[in-house]
C-alpha atoms as a PDB file:
ATOM      1  CA  MET A   1      35.877 139.177 155.923  1.00  0.00           C
ATOM      2  CA  ASN A   2      39.275 140.008 157.665  1.00  0.00           C
ATOM      3  CA  ASN A   3      39.950 136.381 158.136  1.00  0.00           C
ATOM      4  CA  ARG A   4      39.251 135.945 154.556  1.00  0.00           C
ATOM      5  CA  ARG A   5      41.578 138.345 153.274  1.00  0.00           C
ATOM      6  CA  THR A   6      44.443 136.944 155.533  1.00  0.00           C
ATOM      7  CA  LYS A   7      43.853 133.732 153.914  1.00  0.00           C
ATOM      8  CA  ARG A   8      43.925 135.178 150.552  1.00  0.00           C
ATOM      9  CA  LEU A   9      47.151 136.812 151.052  1.00  0.00           C
ATOM     10  CA  THR A  10      48.695 133.889 152.859  1.00  0.00           C
ATOM     11  CA  ILE A  11      47.948 131.743 149.874  1.00  0.00           C
ATOM     12  CA  LEU A  12      49.330 134.599 147.450  1.00  0.00           C
ATOM     13  CA  ALA A  13      52.457 134.806 149.618  1.00  0.00           C
ATOM     14  CA  MET A  14      53.150 130.936 149.413  1.00  0.00           C
ATOM     15  CA  MET A  15      52.696 130.995 145.715  1.00  0.00           C
ATOM     16  CA  ILE A  16      55.099 133.854 145.198  1.00  0.00           C
ATOM     17  CA  ALA A  17      57.679 132.121 147.549  1.00  0.00           C
ATOM     18  CA  LEU A  18      57.150 128.976 145.596  1.00  0.00           C
ATOM     19  CA  ASP A  19      57.523 130.937 142.190  1.00  0.00           C
ATOM     20  CA  VAL A  20      60.964 132.612 143.365  1.00  0.00           C
ATOM     21  CA  ILE A  21      62.374 129.414 144.799  1.00  0.00           C
ATOM     22  CA  LEU A  22      61.366 126.863 142.043  1.00  0.00           C
ATOM     23  CA  SER A  23      61.801 128.685 138.794  1.00  0.00           C
ATOM     24  CA  PRO A  24      65.633 129.159 139.051  1.00  0.00           C
ATOM     25  CA  LEU A  25      65.882 125.441 140.392  1.00  0.00           C
ATOM     26  CA  PHE A  26      64.052 123.720 137.660  1.00  0.00           C
ATOM     27  CA  ARG A  27      65.331 126.185 134.634  1.00  0.00           C
ATOM     28  CA  ILE A  28      66.546 125.163 131.211  1.00  0.00           C
ATOM     29  CA  GLU A  29      68.443 128.011 129.826  1.00  0.00           C
ATOM     30  CA  GLY A  30      66.416 130.470 128.412  1.00  0.00           C
ATOM     31  CA  MET A  31      63.157 128.989 129.756  1.00  0.00           C
ATOM     32  CA  ALA A  32      61.412 129.148 132.843  1.00  0.00           C
ATOM     33  CA  PRO A  33      58.770 126.077 132.772  1.00  0.00           C
ATOM     34  CA  MET A  34      58.143 126.332 136.533  1.00  0.00           C
ATOM     35  CA  SER A  35      56.792 129.976 136.014  1.00  0.00           C
ATOM     36  CA  SER A  36      54.406 128.386 133.850  1.00  0.00           C
ATOM     37  CA  VAL A  37      53.461 125.736 136.186  1.00  0.00           C
ATOM     38  CA  LEU A  38      52.639 128.340 138.960  1.00  0.00           C
ATOM     39  CA  ASN A  39      51.003 130.750 136.518  1.00  0.00           C
ATOM     40  CA  VAL A  40      48.422 128.081 135.583  1.00  0.00           C
ATOM     41  CA  THR A  41      48.060 126.815 139.274  1.00  0.00           C
ATOM     42  CA  ALA A  42      47.573 130.427 140.377  1.00  0.00           C
ATOM     43  CA  ALA A  43      45.159 131.229 137.565  1.00  0.00           C
ATOM     44  CA  VAL A  44      43.047 128.105 138.420  1.00  0.00           C
ATOM     45  CA  LEU A  45      43.379 128.432 142.225  1.00  0.00           C
ATOM     46  CA  MET A  46      43.237 132.192 142.728  1.00  0.00           C
ATOM     47  CA  GLY A  47      41.735 133.849 139.599  1.00  0.00           C
ATOM     48  CA  PRO A  48      43.365 136.403 137.268  1.00  0.00           C
ATOM     49  CA  VAL A  49      43.802 139.224 139.561  1.00  0.00           C
ATOM     50  CA  TYR A  50      45.917 137.359 142.122  1.00  0.00           C
ATOM     51  CA  ALA A  51      47.680 135.532 139.524  1.00  0.00           C
ATOM     52  CA  ILE A  52      48.711 138.777 137.825  1.00  0.00           C
ATOM     53  CA  VAL A  53      49.892 140.048 141.197  1.00  0.00           C
ATOM     54  CA  MET A  54      51.865 136.676 141.959  1.00  0.00           C
ATOM     55  CA  ALA A  55      53.533 136.967 138.683  1.00  0.00           C
ATOM     56  CA  LEU A  56      54.426 140.776 139.024  1.00  0.00           C
ATOM     57  CA  VAL A  57      55.946 140.405 142.422  1.00  0.00           C
ATOM     58  CA  THR A  58      57.660 137.291 141.622  1.00  0.00           C
ATOM     59  CA  ALA A  59      59.297 138.977 138.527  1.00  0.00           C
ATOM     60  CA  ILE A  60      60.341 141.914 140.423  1.00  0.00           C
ATOM     61  CA  LEU A  61      61.957 139.631 143.112  1.00  0.00           C
ATOM     62  CA  ARG A  62      63.750 137.508 140.573  1.00  0.00           C
ATOM     63  CA  MET A  63      64.960 140.512 138.856  1.00  0.00           C
ATOM     64  CA  MET A  64      66.280 142.213 142.203  1.00  0.00           C
ATOM     65  CA  LEU A  65      67.675 138.969 143.814  1.00  0.00           C
ATOM     66  CA  LEU A  66      68.749 136.717 140.957  1.00  0.00           C
ATOM     67  CA  GLY A  67      69.542 139.330 138.397  1.00  0.00           C
ATOM     68  CA  ILE A  68      67.220 138.269 135.552  1.00  0.00           C
ATOM     69  CA  PRO A  69      66.548 140.670 132.814  1.00  0.00           C
ATOM     70  CA  PRO A  70      63.091 142.237 132.299  1.00  0.00           C
ATOM     71  CA  LEU A  71      62.253 139.175 130.362  1.00  0.00           C
ATOM     72  CA  ALA A  72      60.961 137.969 133.916  1.00  0.00           C
ATOM     73  CA  LEU A  73      58.169 140.590 133.503  1.00  0.00           C
ATOM     74  CA  THR A  74      57.225 139.964 129.968  1.00  0.00           C
ATOM     75  CA  GLY A  75      57.325 136.385 130.219  1.00  0.00           C
ATOM     76  CA  ALA A  76      55.090 136.019 133.205  1.00  0.00           C
ATOM     77  CA  LEU A  77      52.453 138.854 133.229  1.00  0.00           C
ATOM     78  CA  PHE A  78      50.657 138.102 129.970  1.00  0.00           C
ATOM     79  CA  GLY A  79      50.547 134.267 130.591  1.00  0.00           C
ATOM     80  CA  ALA A  80      49.120 134.895 134.034  1.00  0.00           C
ATOM     81  CA  LEU A  81      46.511 137.314 132.896  1.00  0.00           C
ATOM     82  CA  LEU A  82      45.187 135.265 129.944  1.00  0.00           C
ATOM     83  CA  ALA A  83      45.635 131.821 132.017  1.00  0.00           C
ATOM     84  CA  GLY A  84      43.434 133.564 134.638  1.00  0.00           C
ATOM     85  CA  LEU A  85      40.809 134.962 132.230  1.00  0.00           C
ATOM     86  CA  GLY A  86      40.774 131.618 130.212  1.00  0.00           C
ATOM     87  CA  TYR A  87      40.104 129.945 133.502  1.00  0.00           C
ATOM     88  CA  ARG A  88      37.457 132.222 134.786  1.00  0.00           C
ATOM     89  CA  TYR A  89      35.593 132.548 131.309  1.00  0.00           C
ATOM     90  CA  GLY A  90      36.270 129.058 129.979  1.00  0.00           C
ATOM     91  CA  GLY A  91      35.899 127.241 133.433  1.00  0.00           C
ATOM     92  CA  HIS A  92      38.312 124.469 132.262  1.00  0.00           C
ATOM     93  CA  ILE A  93      42.041 123.891 133.069  1.00  0.00           C
ATOM     94  CA  GLY A  94      42.506 123.579 129.125  1.00  0.00           C
ATOM     95  CA  TRP A  95      41.522 127.455 128.835  1.00  0.00           C
ATOM     96  CA  ALA A  96      44.031 128.450 131.407  1.00  0.00           C
ATOM     97  CA  ILE A  97      46.746 126.355 129.671  1.00  0.00           C
ATOM     98  CA  ALA A  98      45.814 127.965 126.297  1.00  0.00           C
ATOM     99  CA  GLY A  99      45.909 131.445 127.911  1.00  0.00           C
ATOM    100  CA  GLU A 100      49.406 130.706 129.430  1.00  0.00           C
ATOM    101  CA  ILE A 101      50.715 129.387 126.008  1.00  0.00           C
ATOM    102  CA  LEU A 102      49.411 132.431 124.032  1.00  0.00           C
ATOM    103  CA  GLY A 103      50.300 135.001 126.727  1.00  0.00           C
ATOM    104  CA  THR A 104      53.823 133.710 127.410  1.00  0.00           C
ATOM    105  CA  GLY A 105      54.686 131.968 124.363  1.00  0.00           C
ATOM    106  CA  LEU A 106      53.552 134.601 121.934  1.00  0.00           C
ATOM    107  CA  ILE A 107      52.697 137.749 123.330  1.00  0.00           C
ATOM    108  CA  GLY A 108      55.407 137.841 126.103  1.00  0.00           C
ATOM    109  CA  SER A 109      57.791 136.714 123.490  1.00  0.00           C
ATOM    110  CA  LEU A 110      57.163 139.407 120.910  1.00  0.00           C
ATOM    111  CA  LEU A 111      57.070 142.176 123.715  1.00  0.00           C
ATOM    112  CA  SER A 112      60.459 141.082 124.934  1.00  0.00           C
ATOM    113  CA  TYR A 113      62.155 142.342 121.896  1.00  0.00           C
ATOM    114  CA  PRO A 114      61.509 146.065 122.175  1.00  0.00           C
ATOM    115  CA  ILE A 115      62.230 145.740 125.841  1.00  0.00           C
ATOM    116  CA  MET A 116      65.436 144.028 125.712  1.00  0.00           C
ATOM    117  CA  ILE A 117      66.569 146.528 122.939  1.00  0.00           C
ATOM    118  CA  TRP A 118      65.661 149.477 125.385  1.00  0.00           C
ATOM    119  CA  PHE A 119      67.338 147.402 128.160  1.00  0.00           C
ATOM    120  CA  THR A 120      70.543 146.485 126.405  1.00  0.00           C
ATOM    121  CA  GLY A 121      70.817 149.645 124.187  1.00  0.00           C
ATOM    122  CA  SER A 122      71.558 147.534 121.243  1.00  0.00           C
ATOM    123  CA  ALA A 123      69.622 145.653 118.585  1.00  0.00           C
ATOM    124  CA  ASN A 124      72.667 143.563 117.889  1.00  0.00           C
ATOM    125  CA  GLY A 125      71.637 139.722 117.333  1.00  0.00           C
ATOM    126  CA  LEU A 126      68.063 140.389 118.180  1.00  0.00           C
ATOM    127  CA  PHE A 127      64.943 140.263 115.914  1.00  0.00           C
ATOM    128  CA  TRP A 128      61.325 140.078 116.686  1.00  0.00           C
ATOM    129  CA  PHE A 129      60.894 136.364 117.167  1.00  0.00           C
ATOM    130  CA  VAL A 130      64.314 135.678 119.065  1.00  0.00           C
ATOM    131  CA  TYR A 131      62.576 134.665 122.192  1.00  0.00           C
ATOM    132  CA  THR A 132      59.513 133.063 120.792  1.00  0.00           C
ATOM    133  CA  PRO A 133      60.867 129.354 120.523  1.00  0.00           C
ATOM    134  CA  ARG A 134      62.116 129.382 124.169  1.00  0.00           C
ATOM    135  CA  PHE A 135      59.190 131.150 125.594  1.00  0.00           C
ATOM    136  CA  PHE A 136      56.734 128.668 123.557  1.00  0.00           C
ATOM    137  CA  GLY A 137      58.981 125.728 124.946  1.00  0.00           C
ATOM    138  CA  GLY A 138      58.784 126.888 128.646  1.00  0.00           C
ATOM    139  CA  ALA A 139      55.091 127.664 128.481  1.00  0.00           C
ATOM    140  CA  ILE A 140      54.349 124.367 126.603  1.00  0.00           C
ATOM    141  CA  SER A 141      56.340 122.281 129.138  1.00  0.00           C
ATOM    142  CA  GLY A 142      55.173 124.154 131.952  1.00  0.00           C
ATOM    143  CA  SER A 143      51.592 124.127 131.087  1.00  0.00           C
ATOM    144  CA  LEU A 144      51.685 120.366 130.712  1.00  0.00           C
ATOM    145  CA  ILE A 145      53.210 119.916 134.021  1.00  0.00           C
ATOM    146  CA  ALA A 146      50.621 122.065 135.680  1.00  0.00           C
ATOM    147  CA  TRP A 147      47.912 120.083 133.833  1.00  0.00           C
ATOM    148  CA  LEU A 148      49.217 116.892 135.448  1.00  0.00           C
ATOM    149  CA  PHE A 149      49.704 118.560 138.807  1.00  0.00           C
ATOM    150  CA  LEU A 150      46.132 119.959 138.641  1.00  0.00           C
ATOM    151  CA  PHE A 151      44.513 116.852 137.119  1.00  0.00           C
ATOM    152  CA  LYS A 152      43.827 115.330 140.645  1.00  0.00           C
ATOM    153  CA  LEU A 153      44.600 118.248 142.784  1.00  0.00           C
ATOM    154  CA  LYS A 154      41.388 120.063 141.820  1.00  0.00           C
ATOM    155  CA  GLU A 155      39.331 117.265 143.082  1.00  0.00           C
ATOM    156  CA  THR A 156      40.802 117.483 146.628  1.00  0.00           C
ATOM    157  CA  THR A 157      39.013 119.166 149.471  1.00  0.00           C
ATOM    158  CA  ILE A 158      41.379 121.714 150.350  1.00  0.00           C
ATOM    159  CA  PHE A 159      42.027 122.796 146.899  1.00  0.00           C
ATOM    160  CA  LYS A 160      38.363 123.450 146.481  1.00  0.00           C
ATOM    161  CA  LYS A 161      38.195 125.375 149.670  1.00  0.00           C
ATOM    162  CA  VAL A 162      40.977 127.690 148.819  1.00  0.00           C
ATOM    163  CA  GLN A 163      39.460 128.047 145.287  1.00  0.00           C
ATOM    164  CA  THR A 164      36.163 129.041 146.847  1.00  0.00           C
ATOM    165  CA  ASN A 165      37.749 131.494 149.117  1.00  0.00           C
ATOM    166  CA  PHE A 166      39.175 133.153 146.012  1.00  0.00           C
ATOM    167  CA  TYR A 167      36.236 132.837 143.522  1.00  0.00           C
ATOM    168  CA  ASN A 168      33.386 133.437 145.777  1.00  0.00           C
ATOM    169  CA  GLN A 169      33.402 137.227 146.473  1.00  0.00           C
END
């Protein structure tokens, strides 16, 4: 039991580290496609709870270390949640991708508007759909990269072992 928990935390820590390091490196202004890659990968590999924890810790670290605004939270959490739930209940990577695109592209982008008004103290230049094109662009491109990445990876023995460690309670 304790060994299993250690393995889970180790994989979670590695996913957080990958997300913190890769997201700023492979970034298009206003988009974070690598966050979507890792959200979908975490959802498929670890399930919804661990995917949300990964997205939350990563967002907090990116905000503290890199000066990213609270968009890091809204952009990642809902995508990770819906990707994890989509994979858990749909059983296919396509459902995780759909969850990521809906969660980050639509829900995350719309919730970013009131949060950024609160954060900046001004509504100048902001409107409800101001973040939607960039969030959708990042979520779609990142999800497609994740699909390519997971297409063969999910058939490997090590991936199946790690996934079994998370999904078999």
